C-alpha atoms as a PDB file:
ATOM      1  CA  MET A   1      61.567 117.739-135.074  1.00  0.00           C
ATOM      2  CA  ASN A   2      62.016 115.331-132.102  1.00  0.00           C
ATOM      3  CA  TYR A   3      60.895 111.713-131.619  1.00  0.00           C
ATOM      4  CA  PHE A   4      60.286 109.552-128.722  1.00  0.00           C
ATOM      5  CA  TRP A   5      59.759 105.739-129.095  1.00  0.00           C
ATOM      6  CA  MET A   6      58.407 103.426-126.505  1.00  0.00           C
ATOM      7  CA  THR A   7      57.499  99.686-126.929  1.00  0.00           C
ATOM      8  CA  VAL A   8      54.994  97.985-124.710  1.00  0.00           C
ATOM      9  CA  ILE A   9      54.908  94.112-124.517  1.00  0.00           C
ATOM     10  CA  LEU A  10      51.192  93.171-123.663  1.00  0.00           C
ATOM     11  CA  HIS A  11      50.443  89.744-122.646  1.00  0.00           C
ATOM     12  CA  VAL A  12      46.836  88.702-122.117  1.00  0.00           C
ATOM     13  CA  THR A  13      46.412  85.299-120.522  1.00  0.00           C
ATOM     14  CA  GLY A  14      43.433  83.807-121.097  1.00  0.00           C
ATOM     15  CA  ASN A  15      46.822  66.939-147.178  1.00  0.00           C
ATOM     16  CA  PHE A  16      50.123  65.186-146.298  1.00  0.00           C
ATOM     17  CA  MET A  17      51.237  63.176-143.625  1.00  0.00           C
ATOM     18  CA  SER A  18      52.965  64.547-140.487  1.00  0.00           C
ATOM     19  CA  VAL A  19      56.273  63.655-139.135  1.00  0.00           C
ATOM     20  CA  ASP A  20      54.528  61.094-136.947  1.00  0.00           C
ATOM     21  CA  THR A  21      53.971  58.511-139.974  1.00  0.00           C
ATOM     22  CA  ASN A  22      50.669  57.336-138.329  1.00  0.00           C
ATOM     23  CA  THR A  23      49.062  60.801-138.410  1.00  0.00           C
ATOM     24  CA  PHE A  24      47.368  62.487-141.319  1.00  0.00           C
ATOM     25  CA  PHE A  25      46.404  66.168-141.796  1.00  0.00           C
ATOM     26  CA  VAL A  26      43.936  67.013-144.410  1.00  0.00           C
ATOM     27  CA  THR A  27      41.653  69.809-145.446  1.00  0.00           C
ATOM     28  CA  GLU A  28      37.947  69.232-145.249  1.00  0.00           C
ATOM     29  CA  GLY A  29      36.646  67.951-148.435  1.00  0.00           C
ATOM     30  CA  ASP A  30      39.782  66.199-149.343  1.00  0.00           C
ATOM     31  CA  SER A  31      40.618  62.414-149.042  1.00  0.00           C
ATOM     32  CA  PHE A  32      42.804  60.373-146.862  1.00  0.00           C
ATOM     33  CA  THR A  33      44.251  56.667-147.451  1.00  0.00           C
ATOM     34  CA  LEU A  34      45.006  54.207-144.671  1.00  0.00           C
ATOM     35  CA  LYS A  35      47.089  51.631-145.523  1.00  0.00           C
ATOM     36  CA  HIS A  36      46.707  47.961-144.455  1.00  0.00           C
ATOM     37  CA  ASP A  37      48.154  44.612-145.635  1.00  0.00           C
ATOM     38  CA  LYS A  38      45.344  41.799-145.610  1.00  0.00           C
ATOM     39  CA  ARG A  39      47.124  38.323-146.002  1.00  0.00           C
ATOM     40  CA  LYS A  40      45.885  36.128-148.338  1.00  0.00           C
ATOM     41  CA  THR A  41      44.369  33.049-146.946  1.00  0.00           C
ATOM     42  CA  GLU A  42      41.709  30.493-147.732  1.00  0.00           C
ATOM     43  CA  GLU A  43      40.249  30.967-144.460  1.00  0.00           C
ATOM     44  CA  ASP A  44      37.073  33.253-144.181  1.00  0.00           C
ATOM     45  CA  GLN A  45      38.163  36.957-143.062  1.00  0.00           C
ATOM     46  CA  GLU A  46      36.299  39.957-141.900  1.00  0.00           C
ATOM     47  CA  ILE A  47      37.780  43.451-142.250  1.00  0.00           C
ATOM     48  CA  ARG A  48      36.683  45.952-139.554  1.00  0.00           C
ATOM     49  CA  MET A  49      37.427  49.684-139.296  1.00  0.00           C
ATOM     50  CA  TYR A  50      37.211  51.263-135.944  1.00  0.00           C
ATOM     51  CA  HIS A  51      36.722  54.968-135.806  1.00  0.00           C
ATOM     52  CA  ASP A  52      37.040  56.166-132.242  1.00  0.00           C
ATOM     53  CA  ASP A  53      35.648  52.907-130.946  1.00  0.00           C
ATOM     54  CA  ILE A  54      32.710  52.859-133.364  1.00  0.00           C
ATOM     55  CA  GLU A  55      32.833  49.847-135.515  1.00  0.00           C
ATOM     56  CA  TYR A  56      32.292  49.543-139.389  1.00  0.00           C
ATOM     57  CA  LEU A  57      32.463  46.035-141.156  1.00  0.00           C
ATOM     58  CA  ILE A  58      34.063  47.046-144.377  1.00  0.00           C
ATOM     59  CA  GLY A  59      34.982  43.734-146.014  1.00  0.00           C
ATOM     60  CA  ARG A  60      34.242  39.999-145.997  1.00  0.00           C
ATOM     61  CA  CYS A  61      36.276  37.354-147.677  1.00  0.00           C
ATOM     62  CA  ASP A  62      35.139  33.777-148.229  1.00  0.00           C
ATOM     63  CA  TYR A  63      37.809  31.482-149.825  1.00  0.00           C
ATOM     64  CA  LEU A  64      39.635  34.359-151.423  1.00  0.00           C
ATOM     65  CA  LYS A  65      36.622  36.069-152.799  1.00  0.00           C
ATOM     66  CA  CYS A  66      36.002  39.411-151.061  1.00  0.00           C
ATOM     67  CA  THR A  67      33.098  41.941-150.972  1.00  0.00           C
ATOM     68  CA  PHE A  68      33.794  45.386-149.775  1.00  0.00           C
ATOM     69  CA  GLY A  69      31.847  48.403-148.681  1.00  0.00           C
ATOM     70  CA  ASN A  70      29.810  49.826-145.911  1.00  0.00           C
ATOM     71  CA  LYS A  71      26.222  51.367-146.044  1.00  0.00           C
ATOM     72  CA  GLU A  72      26.981  54.047-143.483  1.00  0.00           C
ATOM     73  CA  LEU A  73      29.931  55.455-145.196  1.00  0.00           C
ATOM     74  CA  GLY A  74      28.469  54.910-148.697  1.00  0.00           C
ATOM     75  CA  ASP A  75      30.284  56.230-151.668  1.00  0.00           C
ATOM     76  CA  ARG A  76      32.751  58.159-149.475  1.00  0.00           C
ATOM     77  CA  LEU A  77      34.512  54.737-148.730  1.00  0.00           C
ATOM     78  CA  LYS A  78      36.883  52.720-151.189  1.00  0.00           C
ATOM     79  CA  VAL A  79      38.219  49.474-149.985  1.00  0.00           C
ATOM     80  CA  TYR A  80      41.119  47.938-151.817  1.00  0.00           C
ATOM     81  CA  GLU A  81      41.982  44.261-152.156  1.00  0.00           C
ATOM     82  CA  ASN A  82      44.740  44.462-149.691  1.00  0.00           C
ATOM     83  CA  GLY A  83      42.654  45.920-146.959  1.00  0.00           C
ATOM     84  CA  SER A  84      43.692  49.562-147.497  1.00  0.00           C
ATOM     85  CA  LEU A  85      41.006  52.045-147.697  1.00  0.00           C
ATOM     86  CA  THR A  86      40.309  55.655-148.797  1.00  0.00           C
ATOM     87  CA  ILE A  87      37.787  57.988-147.466  1.00  0.00           C
ATOM     88  CA  THR A  88      36.816  60.963-149.486  1.00  0.00           C
ATOM     89  CA  ASN A  89      34.892  64.217-149.159  1.00  0.00           C
ATOM     90  CA  THR A  90      36.226  64.293-145.606  1.00  0.00           C
ATOM     91  CA  LYS A  91      34.414  66.248-142.831  1.00  0.00           C
ATOM     92  CA  VAL A  92      35.734  67.641-139.551  1.00  0.00           C
ATOM     93  CA  THR A  93      33.759  64.636-137.837  1.00  0.00           C
ATOM     94  CA  ASP A  94      35.934  62.241-139.723  1.00  0.00           C
ATOM     95  CA  SER A  95      38.971  63.406-137.370  1.00  0.00           C
ATOM     96  CA  GLY A  96      40.052  60.902-134.760  1.00  0.00           C
ATOM     97  CA  ASP A  97      41.739  57.535-134.154  1.00  0.00           C
ATOM     98  CA  TYR A  98      41.240  54.822-136.647  1.00  0.00           C
ATOM     99  CA  ASN A  99      42.270  51.031-136.474  1.00  0.00           C
ATOM    100  CA  ILE A 100      41.857  48.614-139.245  1.00  0.00           C
ATOM    101  CA  ILE A 101      41.646  44.833-138.107  1.00  0.00           C
ATOM    102  CA  THR A 102      41.684  41.715-140.345  1.00  0.00           C
ATOM    103  CA  ASP A 103      40.338  38.882-138.426  1.00  0.00           C
ATOM    104  CA  SER A 104      40.343  35.214-139.289  1.00  0.00           C
ATOM    105  CA  LYS A 105      40.863  31.866-137.377  1.00  0.00           C
ATOM    106  CA  SER A 106      44.549  31.923-137.545  1.00  0.00           C
ATOM    107  CA  ILE A 107      45.507  35.665-138.396  1.00  0.00           C
ATOM    108  CA  LEU A 108      44.668  38.852-136.479  1.00  0.00           C
ATOM    109  CA  SER A 109      46.360  41.811-137.825  1.00  0.00           C
ATOM    110  CA  SER A 110      45.751  45.520-137.118  1.00  0.00           C
ATOM    111  CA  ARG A 111      47.007  48.951-137.914  1.00  0.00           C
ATOM    112  CA  SER A 112      46.280  52.332-136.304  1.00  0.00           C
ATOM    113  CA  TYR A 113      46.197  55.749-137.592  1.00  0.00           C
ATOM    114  CA  SER A 114      45.210  59.377-136.187  1.00  0.00           C
ATOM    115  CA  VAL A 115      43.493  61.810-138.578  1.00  0.00           C
ATOM    116  CA  VAL A 116      43.198  65.472-138.232  1.00  0.00           C
ATOM    117  CA  VAL A 117      40.587  67.114-140.784  1.00  0.00           C
ATOM    118  CA  ARG A 118      41.116  70.801-140.670  1.00  0.00           C
ATOM    119  CA  GLY A 119      37.833  72.530-141.202  1.00  0.00           C
ATOM    120  CA  PHE A 120      37.228  75.618-143.474  1.00  0.00           C
ATOM    121  CA  PHE A 121      36.495  77.832-140.230  1.00  0.00           C
ATOM    122  CA  SER A 122      39.266  76.113-138.071  1.00  0.00           C
ATOM    123  CA  PHE A 123      41.864  78.806-138.247  1.00  0.00           C
ATOM    124  CA  ASP A 124      42.057  81.247-135.530  1.00  0.00           C
ATOM    125  CA  THR A 125      42.656  84.127-138.029  1.00  0.00           C
ATOM    126  CA  ASP A 126      43.891  86.643-135.491  1.00  0.00           C
ATOM    127  CA  GLY A 127      46.755  84.631-134.483  1.00  0.00           C
ATOM    128  CA  VAL A 128      48.714  84.831-131.150  1.00  0.00           C
ATOM    129  CA  SER A 129      51.659  87.194-130.993  1.00  0.00           C
ATOM    130  CA  VAL A 130      54.113  87.088-127.989  1.00  0.00           C
ATOM    131  CA  MET A 131      57.572  88.175-127.084  1.00  0.00           C
ATOM    132  CA  GLU A 132      60.326  85.533-126.560  1.00  0.00           C
ATOM    133  CA  GLY A 133      60.680  84.600-122.862  1.00  0.00           C
ATOM    134  CA  ASP A 134      56.982  85.104-122.090  1.00  0.00           C
ATOM    135  CA  SER A 135      54.233  82.532-121.689  1.00  0.00           C
ATOM    136  CA  VAL A 136      51.069  81.972-123.856  1.00  0.00           C
ATOM    137  CA  THR A 137      48.042  79.960-123.217  1.00  0.00           C
ATOM    138  CA  LEU A 138      46.107  78.274-126.122  1.00  0.00           C
ATOM    139  CA  HIS A 139      42.422  77.857-124.918  1.00  0.00           C
ATOM    140  CA  THR A 140      40.152  74.994-125.996  1.00  0.00           C
ATOM    141  CA  GLY A 141      36.956  76.660-124.934  1.00  0.00           C
ATOM    142  CA  VAL A 142      35.644  73.381-123.289  1.00  0.00           C
ATOM    143  CA  GLN A 143      35.478  71.939-119.784  1.00  0.00           C
ATOM    144  CA  MET A 144      36.539  68.393-118.818  1.00  0.00           C
ATOM    145  CA  ASN A 145      33.358  67.076-117.043  1.00  0.00           C
ATOM    146  CA  GLN A 146      33.719  63.876-115.062  1.00  0.00           C
ATOM    147  CA  LYS A 147      30.231  63.769-113.909  1.00  0.00           C
ATOM    148  CA  GLN A 148      28.891  61.530-116.731  1.00  0.00           C
ATOM    149  CA  MET A 149      26.335  58.771-117.259  1.00  0.00           C
ATOM    150  CA  ILE A 150      27.789  55.525-116.074  1.00  0.00           C
ATOM    151  CA  SER A 151      27.799  53.060-118.779  1.00  0.00           C
ATOM    152  CA  ILE A 152      29.039  49.403-119.013  1.00  0.00           C
ATOM    153  CA  ARG A 153      31.911  50.511-121.199  1.00  0.00           C
ATOM    154  CA  ILE A 154      35.277  51.642-120.139  1.00  0.00           C
ATOM    155  CA  LYS A 155      36.555  54.011-122.988  1.00  0.00           C
ATOM    156  CA  PRO A 156      37.574  57.763-123.486  1.00  0.00           C
ATOM    157  CA  ARG A 157      34.655  60.059-122.888  1.00  0.00           C
ATOM    158  CA  LYS A 158      36.603  63.046-124.208  1.00  0.00           C
ATOM    159  CA  GLN A 159      40.028  63.337-125.883  1.00  0.00           C
ATOM    160  CA  ILE A 160      41.872  66.539-126.525  1.00  0.00           C
ATOM    161  CA  LYS A 161      45.024  66.305-128.342  1.00  0.00           C
ATOM    162  CA  TRP A 162      47.679  69.178-129.342  1.00  0.00           C
ATOM    163  CA  TYR A 163      50.030  69.029-132.409  1.00  0.00           C
ATOM    164  CA  PHE A 164      52.742  71.416-133.262  1.00  0.00           C
ATOM    165  CA  ASN A 165      53.677  71.541-136.931  1.00  0.00           C
ATOM    166  CA  GLN A 166      51.785  68.299-137.320  1.00  0.00           C
ATOM    167  CA  THR A 167      53.513  66.412-134.496  1.00  0.00           C
ATOM    168  CA  ALA A 168      51.584  65.396-131.350  1.00  0.00           C
ATOM    169  CA  ILE A 169      53.143  67.152-128.427  1.00  0.00           C
ATOM    170  CA  ALA A 170      50.335  67.007-125.531  1.00  0.00           C
ATOM    171  CA  GLY A 171      46.872  65.756-124.702  1.00  0.00           C
ATOM    172  CA  ILE A 172      44.342  64.899-122.018  1.00  0.00           C
ATOM    173  CA  ILE A 173      42.022  61.985-122.030  1.00  0.00           C
ATOM    174  CA  GLU A 174      38.824  61.821-119.753  1.00  0.00           C
ATOM    175  CA  TYR A 175      37.812  58.215-119.131  1.00  0.00           C
ATOM    176  CA  GLU A 176      34.700  56.787-117.660  1.00  0.00           C
ATOM    177  CA  PRO A 177      33.130  55.629-115.459  1.00  0.00           C
ATOM    178  CA  PHE A 178      35.822  55.909-112.631  1.00  0.00           C
ATOM    179  CA  LEU A 179      39.285  56.285-114.254  1.00  0.00           C
ATOM    180  CA  GLY A 180      39.256  60.160-114.130  1.00  0.00           C
ATOM    181  CA  VAL A 181      41.409  62.212-116.376  1.00  0.00           C
ATOM    182  CA  ARG A 182      44.933  61.372-117.695  1.00  0.00           C
ATOM    183  CA  SER A 183      47.214  63.570-119.627  1.00  0.00           C
ATOM    184  CA  PHE A 184      50.372  63.330-121.639  1.00  0.00           C
ATOM    185  CA  ILE A 185      53.231  65.618-122.574  1.00  0.00           C
ATOM    186  CA  CYS A 186      55.946  64.967-125.173  1.00  0.00           C
ATOM    187  CA  THR A 187      56.118  61.341-125.561  1.00  0.00           C
ATOM    188  CA  LYS A 188      58.643  61.421-128.307  1.00  0.00           C
ATOM    189  CA  ASP A 189      62.493  62.572-127.977  1.00  0.00           C
ATOM    190  CA  GLU A 190      62.301  65.322-130.583  1.00  0.00           C
ATOM    191  CA  CYS A 191      59.324  66.819-128.671  1.00  0.00           C
ATOM    192  CA  LYS A 192      61.095  66.495-125.377  1.00  0.00           C
ATOM    193  CA  GLU A 193      64.343  67.990-126.895  1.00  0.00           C
ATOM    194  CA  ARG A 194      62.343  71.015-128.459  1.00  0.00           C
ATOM    195  CA  PHE A 195      60.274  72.074-125.477  1.00  0.00           C
ATOM    196  CA  ARG A 196      62.029  70.814-122.397  1.00  0.00           C
ATOM    197  CA  ASP A 197      59.329  70.723-119.571  1.00  0.00           C
ATOM    198  CA  ARG A 198      58.008  73.959-120.902  1.00  0.00           C
ATOM    199  CA  LEU A 199      54.686  72.632-121.777  1.00  0.00           C
ATOM    200  CA  GLU A 200      51.514  72.457-119.357  1.00  0.00           C
ATOM    201  CA  VAL A 201      48.017  71.113-119.944  1.00  0.00           C
ATOM    202  CA  ASP A 202      45.119  72.269-117.892  1.00  0.00           C
ATOM    203  CA  HIS A 203      43.247  69.250-116.412  1.00  0.00           C
ATOM    204  CA  GLN A 204      40.039  71.321-116.282  1.00  0.00           C
ATOM    205  CA  THR A 205      39.899  72.618-119.914  1.00  0.00           C
ATOM    206  CA  GLY A 206      42.797  70.856-121.734  1.00  0.00           C
ATOM    207  CA  SER A 207      44.277  74.420-122.586  1.00  0.00           C
ATOM    208  CA  LEU A 208      47.893  74.336-123.545  1.00  0.00           C
ATOM    209  CA  THR A 209      50.461  76.591-122.021  1.00  0.00           C
ATOM    210  CA  ILE A 210      53.970  77.247-123.320  1.00  0.00           C
ATOM    211  CA  THR A 211      56.332  78.741-120.844  1.00  0.00           C
ATOM    212  CA  ASP A 212      59.598  80.674-121.728  1.00  0.00           C
ATOM    213  CA  ILE A 213      58.507  80.720-125.284  1.00  0.00           C
ATOM    214  CA  ARG A 214      61.234  80.851-128.158  1.00  0.00           C
ATOM    215  CA  THR A 215      61.116  82.030-131.565  1.00  0.00           C
ATOM    216  CA  THR A 216      61.521  78.261-132.693  1.00  0.00           C
ATOM    217  CA  ASP A 217      58.184  77.759-131.067  1.00  0.00           C
ATOM    218  CA  SER A 218      56.531  79.881-133.800  1.00  0.00           C
ATOM    219  CA  GLY A 219      54.182  77.984-136.070  1.00  0.00           C
ATOM    220  CA  LEU A 220      50.941  76.048-136.231  1.00  0.00           C
ATOM    221  CA  TYR A 221      49.225  74.407-133.325  1.00  0.00           C
ATOM    222  CA  ASP A 222      46.442  72.149-134.261  1.00  0.00           C
ATOM    223  CA  LEU A 223      43.801  71.338-131.617  1.00  0.00           C
ATOM    224  CA  LEU A 224      41.656  68.032-131.954  1.00  0.00           C
ATOM    225  CA  ILE A 225      38.660  67.607-129.630  1.00  0.00           C
ATOM    226  CA  ASN A 226      36.835  64.238-129.745  1.00  0.00           C
ATOM    227  CA  TRP A 227      33.854  63.574-127.168  1.00  0.00           C
ATOM    228  CA  ASP A 228      31.392  60.936-126.790  1.00  0.00           C
ATOM    229  CA  HIS A 229      27.673  61.854-126.285  1.00  0.00           C
ATOM    230  CA  VAL A 230      26.062  59.087-124.269  1.00  0.00           C
ATOM    231  CA  ILE A 231      22.668  58.245-125.857  1.00  0.00           C
ATOM    232  CA  SER A 232      21.972  55.284-123.648  1.00  0.00           C
ATOM    233  CA  VAL A 233      24.012  52.927-121.542  1.00  0.00           C
ATOM    234  CA  ARG A 234      24.695  50.837-124.608  1.00  0.00           C
ATOM    235  CA  SER A 235      25.002  53.348-127.326  1.00  0.00           C
ATOM    236  CA  SER A 236      26.711  56.857-128.020  1.00  0.00           C
ATOM    237  CA  ASN A 237      27.636  59.248-130.728  1.00  0.00           C
ATOM    238  CA  VAL A 238      31.077  60.752-131.202  1.00  0.00           C
ATOM    239  CA  SER A 239      31.447  64.313-132.348  1.00  0.00           C
ATOM    240  CA  SER A 240      34.806  66.148-133.406  1.00  0.00           C
ATOM    241  CA  ASN A 241      36.104  69.484-133.684  1.00  0.00           C
ATOM    242  CA  THR A 242      39.517  71.147-134.624  1.00  0.00           C
ATOM    243  CA  LYS A 243      41.043  74.480-134.401  1.00  0.00           C
ATOM    244  CA  ILE A 244      44.299  76.004-135.752  1.00  0.00           C
ATOM    245  CA  PHE A 245      46.410  78.642-133.696  1.00  0.00           C
ATOM    246  CA  ILE A 246      48.934  80.611-135.658  1.00  0.00           C
ATOM    247  CA  VAL A 247      51.675  81.612-133.078  1.00  0.00           C
ATOM    248  CA  ALA A 248      54.255  84.165-133.827  1.00  0.00           C
ATOM    249  CA  VAL A 249      56.999  84.669-131.295  1.00  0.00           C
ATOM    250  CA  HIS A 250      59.064  87.831-131.662  1.00  0.00           C
ATOM    251  CA  ASP A 251      62.700  88.367-130.759  1.00  0.00           C
ATOM    252  CA  VAL A 252      63.631  91.816-129.669  1.00  0.00           C
ATOM    253  CA  PRO A 253      67.131  93.155-130.249  1.00  0.00           C
ATOM    254  CA  ALA A 254      68.924  93.761-127.044  1.00  0.00           C
ATOM    255  CA  ALA A 255      69.524  97.497-128.085  1.00  0.00           C
ATOM    256  CA  GLU A 256      65.685  98.056-127.633  1.00  0.00           C
ATOM    257  CA  ARG A 257      65.035  96.046-124.496  1.00  0.00           C
ATOM    258  CA  HIS A 258      65.557  98.921-122.269  1.00  0.00           C
ATOM    259  CA  LYS A 259      63.063 100.818-123.866  1.00  0.00           C
ATOM    260  CA  MET A 260      60.416  98.248-123.452  1.00  0.00           C
ATOM    261  CA  LYS A 261      57.851  97.858-120.841  1.00  0.00           C
ATOM    262  CA  ARG A 262      55.746  94.767-119.925  1.00  0.00           C
ATOM    263  CA  LYS A 263      52.053  94.616-118.885  1.00  0.00           C
ATOM    264  CA  SER A 264      49.931  91.513-118.133  1.00  0.00           C
ATOM    265  CA  VAL A 265      46.146  91.513-117.912  1.00  0.00           C
ATOM    266  CA  LYS A 266      43.420  89.019-117.430  1.00  0.00           C
ATOM    267  CA  GLU A 267      41.230  88.249-120.436  1.00  0.00           C
ATOM    268  CA  GLY A 268      38.264  90.264-120.413  1.00  0.00           C
ATOM    269  CA  GLU A 269      39.744  93.014-118.242  1.00  0.00           C
ATOM    270  CA  SER A 270      40.778  96.570-119.726  1.00  0.00           C
ATOM    271  CA  VAL A 271      44.287  98.013-119.750  1.00  0.00           C
ATOM    272  CA  THR A 272      45.824 101.189-120.173  1.00  0.00           C
ATOM    273  CA  LEU A 273      49.160 101.777-121.923  1.00  0.00           C
ATOM    274  CA  ASP A 274      50.419 104.936-120.558  1.00  0.00           C
ATOM    275  CA  THR A 275      52.450 107.606-122.427  1.00  0.00           C
ATOM    276  CA  ARG A 276      53.526 109.164-119.103  1.00  0.00           C
ATOM    277  CA  VAL A 277      53.489 112.715-120.672  1.00  0.00           C
ATOM    278  CA  ILE A 278      50.866 115.479-120.666  1.00  0.00           C
ATOM    279  CA  LYS A 279      50.009 116.063-124.313  1.00  0.00           C
ATOM    280  CA  ASN A 280      51.259 119.296-125.901  1.00  0.00           C
ATOM    281  CA  PRO A 281      49.180 120.750-128.629  1.00  0.00           C
ATOM    282  CA  HIS A 282      52.025 120.327-130.955  1.00  0.00           C
ATOM    283  CA  HIS A 283      52.728 116.690-130.243  1.00  0.00           C
ATOM    284  CA  SER A 284      51.579 113.889-132.523  1.00  0.00           C
ATOM    285  CA  ILE A 285      51.116 110.661-130.816  1.00  0.00           C
ATOM    286  CA  THR A 286      50.784 107.528-132.680  1.00  0.00           C
ATOM    287  CA  TRP A 287      50.355 103.865-131.481  1.00  0.00           C
ATOM    288  CA  TYR A 288      51.244 100.665-133.446  1.00  0.00           C
ATOM    289  CA  PHE A 289      50.346  97.095-132.814  1.00  0.00           C
ATOM    290  CA  ASN A 290      52.883  94.541-134.305  1.00  0.00           C
ATOM    291  CA  GLY A 291      53.895  97.288-136.809  1.00  0.00           C
ATOM    292  CA  ILE A 292      50.295  98.275-137.735  1.00  0.00           C
ATOM    293  CA  ARG A 293      49.199 101.877-136.887  1.00  0.00           C
ATOM    294  CA  ILE A 294      46.063 101.599-134.725  1.00  0.00           C
ATOM    295  CA  ALA A 295      45.483 105.007-133.191  1.00  0.00           C
ATOM    296  CA  VAL A 296      46.609 108.729-133.917  1.00  0.00           C
ATOM    297  CA  ILE A 297      46.081 111.952-131.933  1.00  0.00           C
ATOM    298  CA  THR A 298      47.398 115.389-133.244  1.00  0.00           C
ATOM    299  CA  GLY A 299      46.351 118.396-131.376  1.00  0.00           C
ATOM    300  CA  ASP A 300      42.514 118.288-130.710  1.00  0.00           C
ATOM    301  CA  GLN A 301      42.145 115.829-133.452  1.00  0.00           C
ATOM    302  CA  SER A 302      42.107 111.916-132.736  1.00  0.00           C
ATOM    303  CA  GLU A 303      41.570 108.764-135.115  1.00  0.00           C
ATOM    304  CA  ILE A 304      41.071 105.202-134.046  1.00  0.00           C
ATOM    305  CA  CYS A 305      42.128 103.091-137.146  1.00  0.00           C
ATOM    306  CA  SER A 306      39.682 100.553-138.425  1.00  0.00           C
ATOM    307  CA  VAL A 307      41.321  97.288-137.274  1.00  0.00           C
ATOM    308  CA  GLU A 308      38.831  94.406-137.258  1.00  0.00           C
ATOM    309  CA  ARG A 309      40.650  92.528-134.383  1.00  0.00           C
ATOM    310  CA  PHE A 310      39.854  95.178-131.875  1.00  0.00           C
ATOM    311  CA  ARG A 311      36.115  95.961-132.858  1.00  0.00           C
ATOM    312  CA  ASP A 312      35.461  99.278-131.206  1.00  0.00           C
ATOM    313  CA  ARG A 313      37.630  98.353-128.047  1.00  0.00           C
ATOM    314  CA  LEU A 314      40.315 101.081-128.403  1.00  0.00           C
ATOM    315  CA  LYS A 315      40.042 104.463-126.710  1.00  0.00           C
ATOM    316  CA  LEU A 316      42.385 107.337-126.518  1.00  0.00           C
ATOM    317  CA  ASP A 317      42.955 109.589-123.551  1.00  0.00           C
ATOM    318  CA  HIS A 318      42.786 113.291-124.833  1.00  0.00           C
ATOM    319  CA  GLN A 319      44.854 114.599-122.056  1.00  0.00           C
ATOM    320  CA  THR A 320      47.803 112.185-122.228  1.00  0.00           C
ATOM    321  CA  GLY A 321      47.522 110.055-125.441  1.00  0.00           C
ATOM    322  CA  SER A 322      47.354 107.078-123.543  1.00  0.00           C
ATOM    323  CA  LEU A 323      45.799 104.036-125.268  1.00  0.00           C
ATOM    324  CA  ILE A 324      43.022 101.900-123.470  1.00  0.00           C
ATOM    325  CA  ILE A 325      42.073  98.559-124.714  1.00  0.00           C
ATOM    326  CA  THR A 326      38.744  97.135-123.222  1.00  0.00           C
ATOM    327  CA  ASN A 327      37.507  93.685-122.941  1.00  0.00           C
ATOM    328  CA  THR A 328      40.854  92.112-123.758  1.00  0.00           C
ATOM    329  CA  THR A 329      41.467  88.718-125.482  1.00  0.00           C
ATOM    330  CA  ASN A 330      44.469  86.670-125.731  1.00  0.00           C
ATOM    331  CA  THR A 331      44.848  87.715-129.298  1.00  0.00           C
ATOM    332  CA  ASP A 332      45.504  91.280-128.087  1.00  0.00           C
ATOM    333  CA  SER A 333      48.870  89.927-126.853  1.00  0.00           C
ATOM    334  CA  GLY A 334      51.852  91.513-128.719  1.00  0.00           C
ATOM    335  CA  PHE A 335      54.045  94.583-129.349  1.00  0.00           C
ATOM    336  CA  TYR A 336      52.409  98.140-128.966  1.00  0.00           C
ATOM    337  CA  LYS A 337      54.933 100.838-129.950  1.00  0.00           C
ATOM    338  CA  LEU A 338      54.369 104.591-129.044  1.00  0.00           C
ATOM    339  CA  GLN A 339      55.815 107.359-131.138  1.00  0.00           C
ATOM    340  CA  ILE A 340      55.587 110.865-129.897  1.00  0.00           C
ATOM    341  CA  ARG A 341      56.598 113.357-132.400  1.00  0.00           C
ATOM    342  CA  SER A 342      57.000 117.155-131.688  1.00  0.00           C
END
């Protein structure tokens, strides 16, 4: 009995605090606490919380006697004597930037945080699989639109932030009315050292591309999108969305690299992985994706395995045993192994 193996690399383009001590990652429904140190003074004080520029008065002190609370946040908000606060029963819309300010005649103190609330359906369950040295793009699914209603406020209209293993690595901010789009990549030394000019942000979509990818780039990539819906020239409503990409980067042993072939395809197109043989009735041809068997053809009998990720998008050529993938998505990227047994 003889065996023939070939590997095809397909690339489809298309509660805790983080290492950053001012960023929280929590699961939807859990709580987070933002610390603040309100100074004791006999002066009147007001404590305000800003969530993505929306102001909430959460406390007022009159000669050391304080009252706390906010009608809009209701029972979900708990404020402590020192000005720290806890928000319970979190929602994805609680994601964003927070600033707590204590204001009196002689004292103005503030503290800032970022919060990412991971929703129950935020995970990209299929994940992204790629070979070391290739590039991968994580898509936001949105468009940055600079043609917005002009208002009297100069503030971010839309913000997209990317985190790798809970550390901010890139982002793009769209301002209004006339300031355009600004982006940032790796503002901290640890990020610069890890990625070294290998990150790119698309100014039209905010999508993140990682070039010359390495096994150390495997992990969780959190996407946070905040956008400001203009209701009138003086009011607006802020929405948030999160998504989590699971990226797996595979290292291929040098001994196997000469057997490997690479293919690239644009998302939505079809691709054919060729066996480069004419099928013999005595041949058994098997295709694997990332180690999982997905298709088999033996003699005149063929079987497309039930794999949810492909959803009726796999076909087999009965003359050659070649595998056809239709309507490709970036989650189809990865290792396809061909086994021919005779």
